[in-house]
Amino acid sequence: MSRTAVITPRCLSREDAAAYCGCDSLSAFDSWVRKGIVPRPIPGTQKWDRLAIDDALDRFRASSPSIQADPYLAWKAEQDANAR
C-alpha cells in the first residue's frame, strides 16, 4: 500500500502568493508588495517565501491599530522578548 504525501510548497509563484494572502487580484498583491505589507520575492527569483509572508502579515497585524492582535501571538512575543 502506498501513501501519498501532501507537500505544501514553501516557495510560491506570484499568483500563488497573491492567493495565499487572500488578494483578489495581482494588482492588489503588487500594491501590498510596494507598500511593504508583504516582502518582495526571494532575491534572484520570481518566488515568494510563504513563511516570510506569514511573518510580514503577523508583524503588520500587530502594528496596525485597526486590526486586533491575536492574544496568543502577543503573549508569545512577550515571552520571546523576555527570553533574550
Protein backbone atom coordinates (compact mmCIF):
# COMPACT_ATOMS: atom_id res chain seq x y z
CA MET A 1 0.00 0.00 0.00
CA SER A 2 1.48 3.37 -0.96
CA ARG A 3 0.94 6.58 0.95
CA THR A 4 0.67 9.86 -0.85
CA ALA A 5 2.32 12.72 0.99
CA VAL A 6 0.81 16.16 0.77
CA ILE A 7 3.60 18.68 0.36
CA THR A 8 2.89 22.34 0.95
CA PRO A 9 5.42 24.31 -1.08
CA ARG A 10 7.36 26.95 0.78
CA CYS A 11 8.21 28.96 -2.34
CA LEU A 12 5.19 30.42 -4.12
CA SER A 13 4.70 31.93 -7.54
CA ARG A 14 3.34 35.49 -7.67
CA GLU A 15 -0.14 34.14 -8.43
CA ASP A 16 0.02 31.61 -5.59
CA ALA A 17 1.43 34.19 -3.17
CA ALA A 18 -1.41 36.57 -4.04
CA ALA A 19 -3.98 33.83 -3.49
CA TYR A 20 -2.25 32.79 -0.25
CA CYS A 21 -2.57 36.38 1.02
CA GLY A 22 -6.21 36.49 0.01
CA CYS A 23 -5.71 39.25 -2.55
CA ASP A 24 -8.48 39.31 -5.13
CA SER A 25 -6.14 40.48 -7.90
CA LEU A 26 -2.47 40.51 -8.81
CA SER A 27 -2.52 44.31 -8.82
CA ALA A 28 -3.71 44.29 -5.20
CA PHE A 29 -0.87 41.92 -4.30
CA ASP A 30 1.63 44.11 -6.17
CA SER A 31 0.34 47.07 -4.17
CA TRP A 32 0.93 45.16 -0.92
CA VAL A 33 4.50 44.42 -2.05
CA ARG A 34 5.12 48.10 -2.95
CA LYS A 35 3.71 49.23 0.42
CA GLY A 36 5.89 46.71 2.27
CA ILE A 37 2.95 44.77 3.68
CA VAL A 38 4.43 41.59 2.23
CA PRO A 39 8.05 41.07 1.21
CA ARG A 40 9.48 41.14 -2.28
CA PRO A 41 10.33 37.85 -3.97
CA ILE A 42 13.41 35.90 -2.92
CA PRO A 43 16.39 37.71 -4.49
CA GLY A 44 17.26 36.34 -7.91
CA THR A 45 13.93 34.51 -8.24
CA GLN A 46 10.29 35.07 -9.07
CA LYS A 47 9.24 33.16 -5.92
CA TRP A 48 7.87 34.34 -2.58
CA ASP A 49 8.75 32.61 0.70
CA ARG A 50 5.49 31.51 2.34
CA LEU A 51 6.98 31.80 5.86
CA ALA A 52 8.28 35.31 5.15
CA ILE A 53 4.78 36.27 4.05
CA ASP A 54 3.38 34.85 7.30
CA ASP A 55 5.94 36.80 9.36
CA ALA A 56 5.25 40.03 7.49
CA LEU A 57 1.48 39.72 7.88
CA ASP A 58 1.86 38.89 11.59
CA ARG A 59 4.04 42.00 12.10
CA PHE A 60 1.64 44.15 10.09
CA ARG A 61 -1.33 42.90 12.09
CA ALA A 62 0.43 43.54 15.41
CA SER A 63 1.41 47.08 14.41
CA SER A 64 -1.95 48.07 12.96
CA PRO A 65 -4.31 49.68 15.48
CA SER A 66 -7.33 48.86 13.32
CA ILE A 67 -6.64 45.12 13.40
CA GLN A 68 -6.97 43.24 16.70
CA ALA A 69 -3.77 41.34 17.55
CA ASP A 70 -4.09 37.67 18.44
CA PRO A 71 -3.68 37.39 22.26
CA TYR A 72 -1.56 34.25 21.87
CA LEU A 73 0.82 35.98 19.46
CA ALA A 74 1.12 38.95 21.82
CA TRP A 75 1.89 36.61 24.73
CA LYS A 76 4.41 34.65 22.64
CA ALA A 77 6.16 37.84 21.51
CA GLU A 78 6.40 38.95 25.14
CA GLN A 79 7.81 35.56 26.18
CA ASP A 80 10.35 35.65 23.34
CA ALA A 81 11.41 39.18 24.30
CA ASN A 82 11.83 38.18 27.95
CA ALA A 83 13.90 35.14 26.97
CA ARG A 84 16.55 37.34 25.35
